[in-house]
Amino acid sequence: MSHKIEILKGALILSDAHFSPTRPELFPLIESIYTEKIQVPQLILMGDIFDALFGAIAHTYLNNQKMIEMLQSISKKIAVIYLEGNHDFNLKTLFPHMQIFPIAKQPVSCHYKNKKILLAHGDFAGPIGYRMYTAVIRNPFVLPLLKIIDFVTHHAILNYVYAHLAKKEDCNEFRGFHAFIAKRIENSYSCDYFIEGHYHQNKQIKFEKFTYINLGAFACNQRYFTVKSLDDKELLEEKSFSKG
């Protein structure tokens, strides 16, 4: 976590857009940044931006090609930070101009003026079985095998994944969320703010040592956030994108 990353005032932060052909709502926002209709100094992508984008599996590029191209172009103009999620990983070759942080390097330590901020997608400290699973599917020696299986089965596994994800409800309330987060990270980190996605709760919790922010999912009501001045009461301002 020894990264010297500065978060800029006005930076746009979004998480869990789960972009796909059945959930295209992110496209006009990224297009607005691409065409500079919306101008921001920095773009911070907090994982699960795509519903399925795996760096070694070319078939996952097909439905995402235009979005990939726009993000590549944006990253040549402004600083883009991308924290890989559990739906999008092994992305360095796709986005060579971005700062890419895989799950193994999260939380990412940043600073905003004199405040220390930790950023994470949110699935870095799951149960041991889940961590083993995520380590396996991201393993560079396993991925070529998965690529062969995908080709031989005519994308049967990916098609099943797409169908499952299309039915998934991303906007449910996580009951007992405060207690869950307290047990998971409250006594594990030293910072001023801990910001993550993954859980889609759009909630802020003030612990004794830091303020925890769980971002609302863009997939739910097209929420995104911008970094405000520290003179304001809250660090992040919530916005909702409408292409109209």
Foldseek 3Di string as FASTA:
>chain_A
DPDEAEDDFFEWEAEQQQDFPLRPVCVLVLVCCLVVVPDGQEYEYFENNHQAAEPLAVVSCPRPVVVLVSVLSSLVPHAYEYEYDLRHDPCCVSRVSYHYHYLVCPQDWYDYVHFIETGHQPCNQDDPVVNVVSCQCNDPVNSVVVNVVCVVVVNPVVVVSVVVSSPDDLADADPPVVVVVCVRPVPPDATAEYEHEDNQHQDWDDDPRYIYGYHHHCNPQNKMWGAHDPVDPDGIDIDGDDSD
